[in-house]
N, C-alpha and C. Protein backbone atom coordinates (compact mmCIF):
# COMPACT_ATOMS: atom_id res chain seq x y z
N MET A 1 0.60 -0.94 -0.32
CA MET A 1 -0.16 -0.29 0.62
C MET A 1 1.29 1.54 -0.24
N ASN A 2 1.43 1.41 0.46
CA ASN A 2 2.76 2.39 0.12
C ASN A 2 3.13 2.83 -0.75
N ARG A 3 3.47 2.25 -1.86
CA ARG A 3 4.22 2.38 -3.02
C ARG A 3 3.09 3.46 -3.08
N ALA A 4 1.81 2.68 -3.37
CA ALA A 4 0.10 3.51 -4.07
C ALA A 4 -0.04 4.60 -3.44
N PHE A 5 0.10 4.80 -1.47
CA PHE A 5 0.16 5.57 -1.63
C PHE A 5 1.64 7.63 -2.43
N ARG A 6 2.88 6.16 -2.49
CA ARG A 6 3.67 8.38 -3.05
C ARG A 6 3.28 8.36 -4.41
N LEU A 7 2.57 6.88 -4.58
CA LEU A 7 2.19 7.43 -6.08
C LEU A 7 0.93 8.13 -6.13
N PHE A 8 0.46 7.66 -5.19
CA PHE A 8 -1.59 8.97 -5.38
C PHE A 8 -0.62 10.47 -5.19
N PHE A 9 -0.21 10.45 -4.38
CA PHE A 9 0.77 11.90 -3.81
C PHE A 9 1.71 12.19 -4.84
N LEU A 10 2.06 11.50 -5.50
CA LEU A 10 2.77 12.10 -6.43
C LEU A 10 1.90 13.23 -7.52
N LEU A 11 0.97 12.15 -8.13
CA LEU A 11 -0.34 12.66 -8.60
C LEU A 11 -0.71 13.84 -8.77
N ILE A 12 -0.95 13.97 -7.02
CA ILE A 12 -1.44 15.57 -6.46
C ILE A 12 -1.44 16.86 -6.86
N PHE A 13 0.15 16.44 -5.94
CA PHE A 13 0.66 17.34 -5.63
C PHE A 13 1.97 17.50 -6.86
N LEU A 14 1.50 17.42 -8.38
CA LEU A 14 2.43 18.10 -8.63
C LEU A 14 2.77 19.23 -8.56
N ALA A 15 3.01 19.89 -8.59
CA ALA A 15 2.86 20.87 -8.50
C ALA A 15 2.76 22.08 -7.37
N ALA A 16 2.85 21.16 -7.08
CA ALA A 16 2.26 21.93 -5.92
C ALA A 16 4.33 22.14 -4.89
N SER A 17 5.21 21.86 -5.52
CA SER A 17 5.99 21.48 -4.35
C SER A 17 6.69 22.98 -3.93
N GLY A 18 7.24 23.91 -3.38
CA GLY A 18 7.68 24.76 -3.38
C GLY A 18 8.90 25.02 -4.05
N CYS A 19 9.26 25.86 -4.77
CA CYS A 19 10.42 26.10 -6.54
C CYS A 19 10.52 27.46 -5.93
N GLY A 20 12.55 27.45 -5.42
CA GLY A 20 13.00 28.55 -5.75
C GLY A 20 12.93 29.76 -6.74
N GLY A 21 13.39 30.87 -6.61
CA GLY A 21 14.13 31.48 -7.68
C GLY A 21 13.57 32.88 -7.69
N ALA A 22 13.46 33.58 -8.74
CA ALA A 22 12.83 35.10 -8.85
C ALA A 22 11.01 34.71 -9.91
N ARG A 23 12.20 34.19 -11.25
CA ARG A 23 11.68 34.20 -11.63
C ARG A 23 11.04 31.84 -12.47
N LEU A 24 10.04 31.68 -12.28
CA LEU A 24 10.46 29.76 -11.80
C LEU A 24 10.26 29.37 -13.67
N SER A 25 10.98 29.26 -13.47
CA SER A 25 11.80 27.77 -15.07
C SER A 25 11.01 26.86 -14.97
N HIS A 26 10.96 26.52 -16.08
CA HIS A 26 10.32 25.09 -16.70
C HIS A 26 10.92 24.15 -16.52
N GLU A 27 12.38 23.98 -16.16
CA GLU A 27 13.58 22.67 -15.63
C GLU A 27 13.49 23.01 -14.02
N GLU A 28 13.08 23.86 -13.29
CA GLU A 28 12.66 24.11 -12.14
C GLU A 28 11.65 23.03 -11.60
N ILE A 29 10.79 23.47 -12.59
CA ILE A 29 9.21 23.19 -11.97
C ILE A 29 9.71 20.79 -12.56
N ARG A 30 10.64 21.07 -13.69
CA ARG A 30 10.05 19.36 -13.50
C ARG A 30 10.98 18.62 -13.01
N LYS A 31 11.86 19.23 -12.13
CA LYS A 31 13.75 19.04 -11.34
C LYS A 31 12.26 18.93 -9.57
N GLN A 32 11.81 20.05 -9.03
CA GLN A 32 10.93 20.11 -8.22
C GLN A 32 9.62 18.18 -8.26
N VAL A 33 8.99 19.16 -9.99
CA VAL A 33 8.13 17.58 -9.51
C VAL A 33 9.33 16.29 -9.70
N ALA A 34 9.90 16.12 -9.65
CA ALA A 34 10.70 14.89 -9.64
C ALA A 34 11.20 14.66 -8.42
N GLU A 35 11.51 14.97 -7.60
CA GLU A 35 11.43 15.41 -5.91
C GLU A 35 10.81 14.76 -5.54
N ILE A 36 9.08 15.23 -5.46
CA ILE A 36 7.79 14.98 -4.34
C ILE A 36 8.24 13.30 -4.02
N GLY A 37 8.57 13.90 -2.28
CA GLY A 37 7.87 12.23 -1.99
C GLY A 37 9.16 11.55 -2.70
N ASN A 38 10.34 11.62 -2.46
CA ASN A 38 11.75 11.38 -2.37
C ASN A 38 11.37 10.44 -3.86
N SER A 39 10.92 10.32 -4.90
CA SER A 39 9.81 9.75 -5.53
C SER A 39 11.65 8.97 -6.93
N SER A 40 12.17 9.55 -6.87
CA SER A 40 13.51 9.68 -7.89
C SER A 40 13.04 9.66 -9.04
N LEU A 41 11.64 10.05 -9.77
CA LEU A 41 11.31 9.85 -10.76
C LEU A 41 12.34 10.88 -11.38
N LEU A 42 12.25 10.65 -12.45
CA LEU A 42 13.46 11.33 -13.84
C LEU A 42 12.45 12.34 -15.02
N PRO A 43 13.09 13.46 -13.92
CA PRO A 43 12.80 15.15 -14.59
C PRO A 43 12.15 14.53 -16.12
N GLU A 44 13.22 13.95 -17.06
CA GLU A 44 12.34 13.85 -18.34
C GLU A 44 11.17 13.25 -18.46
N ALA A 45 10.91 12.84 -17.14
CA ALA A 45 9.52 12.28 -17.48
C ALA A 45 7.85 13.24 -17.42
N VAL A 46 7.97 14.30 -17.34
CA VAL A 46 7.42 15.69 -16.46
C VAL A 46 8.06 16.73 -17.32
N SER A 47 6.23 16.92 -17.87
CA SER A 47 6.73 17.78 -19.36
C SER A 47 5.44 19.39 -19.33
N VAL A 48 6.24 20.16 -18.85
CA VAL A 48 5.62 21.56 -18.30
C VAL A 48 4.97 22.39 -19.84
N ARG A 49 3.58 22.10 -19.50
CA ARG A 49 2.54 22.03 -20.80
C ARG A 49 2.66 24.02 -20.50
N ARG A 50 2.82 24.68 -19.47
CA ARG A 50 2.67 26.18 -19.40
C ARG A 50 3.03 26.88 -17.46
N ILE A 51 3.03 27.56 -16.97
CA ILE A 51 2.90 28.46 -16.62
C ILE A 51 1.99 28.64 -16.20
N VAL A 52 0.95 28.78 -15.56
CA VAL A 52 -1.01 29.28 -15.13
C VAL A 52 -0.33 31.14 -14.57
N SER A 53 0.14 31.32 -13.59
CA SER A 53 0.09 32.09 -12.99
C SER A 53 1.37 32.42 -12.38
N GLN A 54 1.53 33.32 -12.25
CA GLN A 54 2.75 33.51 -10.44
C GLN A 54 3.06 34.44 -10.62
N SER A 55 3.04 34.82 -8.85
CA SER A 55 3.48 36.04 -8.58
C SER A 55 4.47 36.06 -7.78
N GLY A 56 5.05 37.45 -6.87
CA GLY A 56 5.94 37.10 -5.72
C GLY A 56 5.79 35.30 -5.75
N ASN A 57 5.24 35.09 -4.43
CA ASN A 57 5.44 33.98 -3.63
C ASN A 57 4.76 32.61 -3.77
N ARG A 58 3.73 32.53 -5.59
CA ARG A 58 3.03 31.33 -5.80
C ARG A 58 3.10 30.97 -6.89
N ALA A 59 3.09 29.93 -7.85
CA ALA A 59 2.64 30.11 -9.78
C ALA A 59 2.48 28.87 -9.04
N ILE A 60 1.84 28.45 -10.50
CA ILE A 60 0.48 27.30 -10.87
C ILE A 60 0.91 26.75 -12.17
N ALA A 61 1.89 25.73 -12.39
CA ALA A 61 2.09 25.38 -13.30
C ALA A 61 1.65 23.77 -13.83
N GLU A 62 1.07 24.20 -14.98
CA GLU A 62 0.06 22.84 -15.48
C GLU A 62 1.56 22.04 -16.20
N THR A 63 1.33 20.99 -15.58
CA THR A 63 2.32 20.16 -16.65
C THR A 63 1.31 18.54 -15.81
N THR A 64 1.95 17.95 -16.48
CA THR A 64 2.00 16.02 -17.22
C THR A 64 3.75 15.39 -16.76
N VAL A 65 2.44 13.96 -16.33
CA VAL A 65 3.80 12.74 -16.41
C VAL A 65 3.86 12.07 -17.05
N ASP A 66 4.40 11.22 -17.21
CA ASP A 66 4.24 9.97 -18.34
C ASP A 66 4.27 9.17 -17.51
N LEU A 67 2.65 8.52 -17.57
CA LEU A 67 2.03 6.96 -17.30
C LEU A 67 2.20 5.57 -18.31
N THR A 68 2.69 5.22 -17.59
CA THR A 68 2.83 3.37 -18.47
C THR A 68 1.64 2.58 -17.74
N PHE A 69 0.50 1.56 -18.26
CA PHE A 69 -0.07 1.29 -17.79
C PHE A 69 0.28 -0.05 -18.88
N GLN A 70 -0.63 -1.19 -18.05
CA GLN A 70 0.04 -2.60 -18.22
C GLN A 70 -1.47 -2.77 -18.41
N VAL A 71 -2.28 -3.21 -19.28
CA VAL A 71 -3.38 -4.06 -20.13
C VAL A 71 -3.07 -5.82 -19.75
N GLU A 72 -4.01 -6.00 -20.20
CA GLU A 72 -4.35 -7.88 -20.75
C GLU A 72 -5.47 -8.14 -20.70
N ARG A 73 -5.55 -9.02 -20.62
CA ARG A 73 -7.49 -9.71 -20.75
C ARG A 73 -7.25 -11.34 -20.66
N ASP A 74 -7.83 -11.83 -20.64
CA ASP A 74 -7.72 -13.53 -20.06
C ASP A 74 -7.95 -14.69 -21.12
N SER A 75 -8.19 -14.00 -22.15
CA SER A 75 -8.21 -14.66 -23.36
C SER A 75 -8.06 -13.79 -24.18
N ALA A 76 -7.54 -14.37 -25.98
CA ALA A 76 -6.81 -13.34 -26.98
C ALA A 76 -9.29 -13.43 -27.17
N THR A 77 -10.54 -13.70 -26.72
CA THR A 77 -11.37 -13.02 -27.09
C THR A 77 -11.91 -12.23 -25.90
N SER A 78 -11.58 -12.09 -24.59
CA SER A 78 -12.45 -10.90 -23.71
C SER A 78 -11.35 -9.74 -23.96
N PRO A 79 -12.57 -8.83 -23.41
CA PRO A 79 -11.78 -7.75 -23.04
C PRO A 79 -10.77 -7.06 -22.24
N TRP A 80 -9.50 -5.97 -23.40
CA TRP A 80 -9.00 -6.04 -22.23
C TRP A 80 -9.09 -5.26 -21.06
N HIS A 81 -8.53 -4.95 -20.25
CA HIS A 81 -8.59 -4.42 -18.49
C HIS A 81 -7.78 -4.04 -18.08
N ILE A 82 -6.85 -2.56 -17.76
CA ILE A 82 -5.33 -2.04 -17.13
C ILE A 82 -5.75 -2.75 -15.13
N THR A 83 -4.04 -3.76 -15.45
CA THR A 83 -3.56 -3.80 -14.41
C THR A 83 -3.14 -3.25 -13.43
N SER A 84 -2.18 -2.74 -14.30
CA SER A 84 -1.31 -1.82 -13.30
C SER A 84 -0.55 -0.69 -13.81
N VAL A 85 -0.43 -0.05 -13.47
CA VAL A 85 -0.07 1.33 -13.81
C VAL A 85 1.91 2.18 -13.25
N ARG A 86 2.02 2.55 -13.84
CA ARG A 86 3.87 2.83 -12.78
C ARG A 86 3.51 4.57 -13.85
N VAL A 87 4.39 5.15 -12.63
CA VAL A 87 4.75 6.38 -13.04
C VAL A 87 6.41 6.75 -13.39
N GLY A 88 6.47 7.28 -14.54
CA GLY A 88 8.04 7.64 -15.09
C GLY A 88 8.43 5.76 -15.33
N ASP A 89 9.99 6.31 -14.29
CA ASP A 89 10.45 5.00 -13.84
C ASP A 89 10.00 4.68 -12.76
N GLN A 90 9.01 4.62 -11.52
CA GLN A 90 8.51 3.72 -10.58
C GLN A 90 8.50 2.55 -11.15
N ASN A 91 8.09 1.73 -10.01
CA ASN A 91 7.65 0.32 -10.31
C ASN A 91 5.91 0.53 -10.56
N TRP A 92 5.80 -1.11 -10.28
CA TRP A 92 4.16 -1.31 -11.56
C TRP A 92 3.76 -1.01 -9.63
N VAL A 93 2.32 -0.72 -9.61
CA VAL A 93 1.28 -0.03 -8.85
C VAL A 93 -0.06 -0.98 -9.33
N SER A 94 -0.48 -2.02 -8.46
CA SER A 94 -2.25 -2.56 -9.36
C SER A 94 -2.78 -1.17 -8.93
N ILE A 95 -3.30 -1.56 -10.25
CA ILE A 95 -5.15 -0.77 -9.80
C ILE A 95 -5.84 -1.18 -9.17
N PRO A 96 -5.61 -2.25 -8.16
CA PRO A 96 -7.18 -2.39 -6.97
C PRO A 96 -6.13 -1.32 -5.99
N GLU A 97 -4.53 -1.62 -5.76
CA GLU A 97 -3.68 -1.34 -4.91
C GLU A 97 -3.62 0.34 -4.91
N LEU A 98 -3.47 1.50 -5.95
CA LEU A 98 -4.08 2.53 -6.51
C LEU A 98 -5.52 2.66 -5.97
N ILE A 99 -6.07 2.14 -6.27
CA ILE A 99 -7.97 2.95 -6.19
C ILE A 99 -8.20 2.22 -4.66
N ALA A 100 -7.68 1.44 -3.76
CA ALA A 100 -7.59 1.20 -2.45
C ALA A 100 -6.96 2.90 -1.75
N ALA A 101 -5.68 3.25 -2.22
CA ALA A 101 -4.86 3.95 -2.21
C ALA A 101 -5.26 5.25 -2.24
N LEU A 102 -6.05 5.45 -2.97
CA LEU A 102 -6.72 6.73 -3.15
C LEU A 102 -8.06 7.06 -2.52
N ASN A 103 -9.20 6.19 -2.25
CA ASN A 103 -10.07 5.81 -1.40
C ASN A 103 -10.06 5.83 -0.10
N GLU A 104 -8.18 5.56 0.93
CA GLU A 104 -8.12 5.56 2.08
C GLU A 104 -7.83 7.32 2.63
N SER A 105 -7.50 8.30 1.38
CA SER A 105 -6.64 9.36 1.33
C SER A 105 -7.93 9.56 1.20
N LYS A 106 -8.99 9.33 0.20
CA LYS A 106 -10.56 10.49 0.54
C LYS A 106 -11.38 10.11 1.98
N ARG A 107 -10.97 8.51 2.61
CA ARG A 107 -12.08 8.94 3.32
C ARG A 107 -11.18 9.58 4.48
N LYS A 108 -9.65 10.03 4.44
CA LYS A 108 -9.47 10.68 5.90
C LYS A 108 -9.82 11.99 5.48
N ILE A 109 -9.31 12.28 4.13
CA ILE A 109 -10.06 13.78 3.89
C ILE A 109 -11.85 14.58 4.50
N THR A 110 -12.07 13.46 3.99
CA THR A 110 -13.66 12.95 4.11
C THR A 110 -14.05 12.81 6.06
N ALA A 111 -13.33 11.95 6.44
CA ALA A 111 -14.03 12.50 7.75
C ALA A 111 -13.07 14.13 8.11
N ALA A 112 -11.95 14.54 7.78
CA ALA A 112 -11.23 15.40 8.85
C ALA A 112 -12.65 17.21 8.36
N SER A 113 -13.38 17.20 7.16
CA SER A 113 -14.69 17.45 6.65
C SER A 113 -15.45 17.28 7.62
N LEU A 114 -15.87 16.25 7.97
CA LEU A 114 -16.61 16.68 8.76
C LEU A 114 -16.67 16.60 10.25
N GLU A 115 -15.22 16.58 10.31
CA GLU A 115 -15.47 17.35 12.29
C GLU A 115 -15.41 18.77 12.18
N LYS A 116 -15.24 19.33 10.97
CA LYS A 116 -15.15 20.76 10.67
C LYS A 116 -16.59 21.07 10.76
N LEU A 117 -17.31 20.10 9.84
CA LEU A 117 -18.77 20.44 10.43
C LEU A 117 -19.29 20.28 11.59
N THR A 118 -19.14 19.78 12.57
CA THR A 118 -19.34 19.29 13.82
C THR A 118 -18.96 20.66 14.47
N ALA A 119 -17.83 21.06 14.58
CA ALA A 119 -16.75 22.17 15.14
C ALA A 119 -17.29 23.67 14.87
N GLY A 120 -17.93 23.10 13.73
CA GLY A 120 -18.95 24.45 13.33
C GLY A 120 -20.01 24.48 14.05
N VAL A 121 -20.82 23.42 13.94
CA VAL A 121 -22.27 23.57 14.51
C VAL A 121 -22.20 23.43 16.09
N ALA A 122 -20.74 23.20 16.93
CA ALA A 122 -20.95 23.44 18.22
C ALA A 122 -20.68 24.95 18.26
N THR A 123 -19.40 25.37 17.97
CA THR A 123 -19.41 26.84 17.64
C THR A 123 -20.66 27.66 17.62
N TYR A 124 -21.30 27.64 17.20
CA TYR A 124 -23.15 28.15 16.29
C TYR A 124 -23.87 27.58 17.82
N ARG A 125 -23.85 26.53 18.37
CA ARG A 125 -24.26 26.42 19.46
C ARG A 125 -24.32 27.03 20.87
N GLN A 126 -22.57 27.13 20.77
CA GLN A 126 -22.43 27.57 21.83
C GLN A 126 -23.07 29.08 22.02
N GLN A 127 -22.87 29.65 20.72
CA GLN A 127 -23.01 31.31 20.20
C GLN A 127 -24.99 31.77 20.81
N ASN A 128 -25.25 30.40 20.48
CA ASN A 128 -26.92 31.02 20.23
C ASN A 128 -27.71 29.92 21.02
N GLY A 129 -27.21 28.87 21.52
CA GLY A 129 -27.73 28.22 22.49
C GLY A 129 -28.68 27.15 22.68
N SER A 130 -28.61 26.97 21.19
CA SER A 130 -28.85 25.37 20.37
C SER A 130 -28.04 25.60 19.19
N ALA A 131 -28.27 24.03 18.45
CA ALA A 131 -28.23 23.72 17.43
C ALA A 131 -28.28 24.37 16.12
N PRO A 132 -28.27 24.83 15.06
CA PRO A 132 -29.11 25.47 13.67
C PRO A 132 -30.35 24.01 13.34
N ALA A 133 -31.05 24.57 13.29
CA ALA A 133 -32.64 24.10 12.54
C ALA A 133 -32.71 24.37 11.04
N VAL A 134 -31.26 22.60 10.96
CA VAL A 134 -31.64 22.06 9.44
C VAL A 134 -31.19 20.88 9.31
N THR A 135 -32.19 20.64 7.85
CA THR A 135 -32.15 19.92 7.85
C THR A 135 -31.09 19.00 6.96
N ASP A 136 -31.10 20.10 5.52
CA ASP A 136 -29.43 19.83 5.01
C ASP A 136 -28.45 20.66 4.67
N ILE A 137 -27.54 19.87 3.76
CA ILE A 137 -26.47 20.80 3.73
C ILE A 137 -25.44 22.08 3.33
N ARG A 138 -26.70 22.73 2.64
CA ARG A 138 -26.68 23.59 1.69
C ARG A 138 -27.70 24.55 2.60
N ALA A 139 -28.40 24.46 3.58
CA ALA A 139 -29.29 24.95 4.60
C ALA A 139 -27.82 25.36 5.51
N LEU A 140 -27.32 24.38 6.19
CA LEU A 140 -26.21 24.79 7.21
C LEU A 140 -25.01 25.49 6.78
N SER A 141 -24.81 25.09 5.56
CA SER A 141 -23.62 25.47 5.45
C SER A 141 -24.18 27.16 5.42
N ASP A 142 -24.81 27.53 4.80
CA ASP A 142 -26.04 29.07 4.29
C ASP A 142 -25.52 29.73 6.11
N VAL A 143 -26.02 28.60 6.71
CA VAL A 143 -25.93 28.88 8.78
C VAL A 143 -24.87 29.17 9.24
N LEU A 144 -23.54 28.69 8.89
CA LEU A 144 -22.50 28.20 9.94
C LEU A 144 -21.01 28.68 8.64
N HIS A 145 -21.00 28.92 7.73
CA HIS A 145 -20.77 29.69 6.60
C HIS A 145 -20.61 31.19 6.85
N PRO A 146 -19.45 32.29 6.60
CA PRO A 146 -18.14 32.23 7.03
C PRO A 146 -18.15 32.52 9.03
N LEU A 147 -19.07 32.05 9.24
CA LEU A 147 -19.13 32.81 10.62
C LEU A 147 -18.85 32.07 11.50
N TYR A 148 -19.11 30.96 11.63
CA TYR A 148 -19.01 29.75 12.32
C TYR A 148 -18.47 28.67 12.00
N MET A 149 -17.69 28.92 11.24
CA MET A 149 -17.13 27.51 10.40
C MET A 149 -16.42 28.36 9.04
N LYS A 150 -14.79 28.53 9.09
CA LYS A 150 -13.90 28.71 7.77
C LYS A 150 -14.61 28.04 6.47
N ASP A 151 -13.86 27.21 6.69
CA ASP A 151 -14.25 26.21 4.95
C ASP A 151 -15.78 26.29 4.69
N LEU A 152 -15.63 26.20 3.95
CA LEU A 152 -17.25 26.18 3.20
C LEU A 152 -16.75 23.98 2.70
N VAL A 153 -17.87 23.49 3.34
CA VAL A 153 -17.84 21.81 3.00
C VAL A 153 -19.50 21.61 2.66
N LEU A 154 -19.48 21.08 1.73
CA LEU A 154 -20.82 20.57 1.11
C LEU A 154 -20.36 18.88 0.66
N ASP A 155 -19.66 18.62 -0.29
CA ASP A 155 -19.33 17.19 -0.44
C ASP A 155 -18.32 16.43 0.01
N ASP A 156 -18.60 15.42 0.21
CA ASP A 156 -17.53 14.16 0.46
C ASP A 156 -16.08 14.57 -0.59
N ALA A 157 -15.51 13.95 -0.36
CA ALA A 157 -13.96 13.69 -1.37
C ALA A 157 -14.57 13.11 -2.48
N TRP A 158 -15.34 11.90 -2.63
CA TRP A 158 -15.77 11.09 -3.36
C TRP A 158 -16.96 12.12 -4.63
N GLY A 159 -17.21 13.55 -4.03
CA GLY A 159 -18.36 14.06 -4.61
C GLY A 159 -19.56 14.22 -4.45
N HIS A 160 -20.42 13.63 -3.20
CA HIS A 160 -21.65 12.98 -2.76
C HIS A 160 -21.43 13.92 -1.60
N GLN A 161 -23.00 14.98 -1.70
CA GLN A 161 -23.48 15.36 -0.68
C GLN A 161 -23.28 15.07 0.55
N ILE A 162 -23.13 15.26 1.59
CA ILE A 162 -22.64 15.17 2.80
C ILE A 162 -24.47 15.16 3.11
N LEU A 163 -24.59 14.08 4.13
CA LEU A 163 -25.69 14.16 4.33
C LEU A 163 -25.84 14.89 6.07
N VAL A 164 -26.88 15.93 7.03
CA VAL A 164 -27.09 16.30 7.70
C VAL A 164 -28.79 14.97 7.98
N GLU A 165 -28.07 14.62 9.37
CA GLU A 165 -28.75 13.95 10.55
C GLU A 165 -29.38 13.84 11.32
N ALA A 166 -30.02 14.92 11.80
CA ALA A 166 -30.23 15.21 12.71
C ALA A 166 -31.49 14.75 13.52
N ALA A 167 -31.41 15.12 14.85
CA ALA A 167 -31.93 14.24 15.90
C ALA A 167 -31.86 15.06 16.62
N SER A 168 -33.01 16.08 17.34
CA SER A 168 -32.78 17.20 18.90
C SER A 168 -32.03 16.29 19.44
N PRO A 169 -30.90 16.76 20.44
CA PRO A 169 -30.79 18.33 20.00
C PRO A 169 -29.32 18.35 19.65
N SER A 170 -28.67 16.77 18.57
CA SER A 170 -27.84 16.59 18.16
C SER A 170 -27.68 16.67 16.18
N ILE A 171 -26.83 17.34 16.08
CA ILE A 171 -26.67 17.51 14.30
C ILE A 171 -24.90 16.26 14.37
N ARG A 172 -26.07 15.07 13.22
CA ARG A 172 -24.82 14.32 12.86
C ARG A 172 -24.53 14.44 11.46
N PHE A 173 -23.19 14.01 10.91
CA PHE A 173 -23.37 14.11 9.29
C PHE A 173 -22.83 12.40 8.71
N ARG A 174 -22.45 12.37 7.82
CA ARG A 174 -22.72 11.34 7.29
C ARG A 174 -22.29 11.66 5.40
N SER A 175 -21.46 10.36 5.39
CA SER A 175 -20.53 10.40 3.95
C SER A 175 -21.47 9.42 3.36
N VAL A 176 -21.40 9.00 2.32
CA VAL A 176 -21.89 7.53 1.45
C VAL A 176 -21.10 6.67 1.02
N GLY A 177 -19.53 7.37 1.61
CA GLY A 177 -18.74 6.51 0.78
C GLY A 177 -17.63 6.49 -0.88
N ALA A 178 -17.31 5.77 -0.98
CA ALA A 178 -16.57 5.60 -1.82
C ALA A 178 -18.06 4.76 -2.92
N ASP A 179 -18.84 4.27 -2.29
CA ASP A 179 -19.28 3.04 -3.32
C ASP A 179 -21.26 4.10 -4.24
N GLY A 180 -20.61 5.52 -2.81
CA GLY A 180 -22.43 6.20 -3.29
C GLY A 180 -23.59 6.13 -2.64
N VAL A 181 -23.67 4.67 -1.80
CA VAL A 181 -24.68 4.15 -1.30
C VAL A 181 -24.96 4.20 0.33
N ARG A 182 -26.03 5.37 0.50
CA ARG A 182 -26.11 4.61 2.46
C ARG A 182 -26.75 3.42 3.02
N ASP A 183 -25.78 3.55 4.61
CA ASP A 183 -26.05 2.80 4.56
C ASP A 183 -24.50 1.73 4.70
N THR A 184 -24.24 1.48 4.33
CA THR A 184 -23.09 0.22 3.49
C THR A 184 -21.85 0.77 4.52
N ALA A 185 -21.24 -0.37 4.55
CA ALA A 185 -20.02 -0.77 5.00
C ALA A 185 -18.93 0.75 4.79
N ASP A 186 -18.52 1.19 3.95
CA ASP A 186 -18.02 2.49 3.43
C ASP A 186 -18.42 3.64 4.01
N ASP A 187 -19.20 3.33 4.81
CA ASP A 187 -19.75 5.19 4.88
C ASP A 187 -19.65 5.13 6.46
N ILE A 188 -18.97 6.58 6.15
CA ILE A 188 -18.75 7.78 7.42
C ILE A 188 -19.48 8.52 7.88
N VAL A 189 -19.24 8.47 9.39
CA VAL A 189 -20.20 9.20 10.06
C VAL A 189 -20.40 10.24 11.36
N SER A 190 -20.23 11.35 11.26
CA SER A 190 -19.57 11.83 12.60
C SER A 190 -19.68 11.10 14.07
N PRO A 191 -19.78 11.68 14.90
CA PRO A 191 -19.73 11.40 16.08
C PRO A 191 -21.20 12.24 16.31
N GLU A 192 -21.19 11.76 17.51
CA GLU A 192 -23.24 12.88 17.54
C GLU A 192 -22.37 13.63 18.65
């Protein structure tokens, strides 16, 4: 699983690492991306499409990284399917391992979002004497954001709307998880 996490974070944070110098060059971007997470990725595997914007201390660079896919099929007549992926010159990572790493990362992000919502409700309750009287996440966000909660949270990391389960006097939050189906094993539920 460790390789899959490194691959995932390499893909997610390609342009997020800090780059030095007054003006950012394509070569500096390639070097920084290749060094993310001690990946030892060859800079030649990174192509910089363009530097979208650059200010005194921040830049956004659009890049691509060479991905190699291993494709297999069970027989000469069965359909092809991707079994593994590799970034640049890295080791192969199986697709199930990569998906599991992605889902684990999304689970952690979603759990943190539910904690933010819970803290926002607690702050509201402390200042107003009771929890907000809402039944859906959009109405709750109108009440909480930005006065009681800095970040606007509406969806989980899979893009599913977070569910509000109001049971007076508490409010609980639910993500339907990767499968998008309520009340299954991958649901993430905030404590009451």
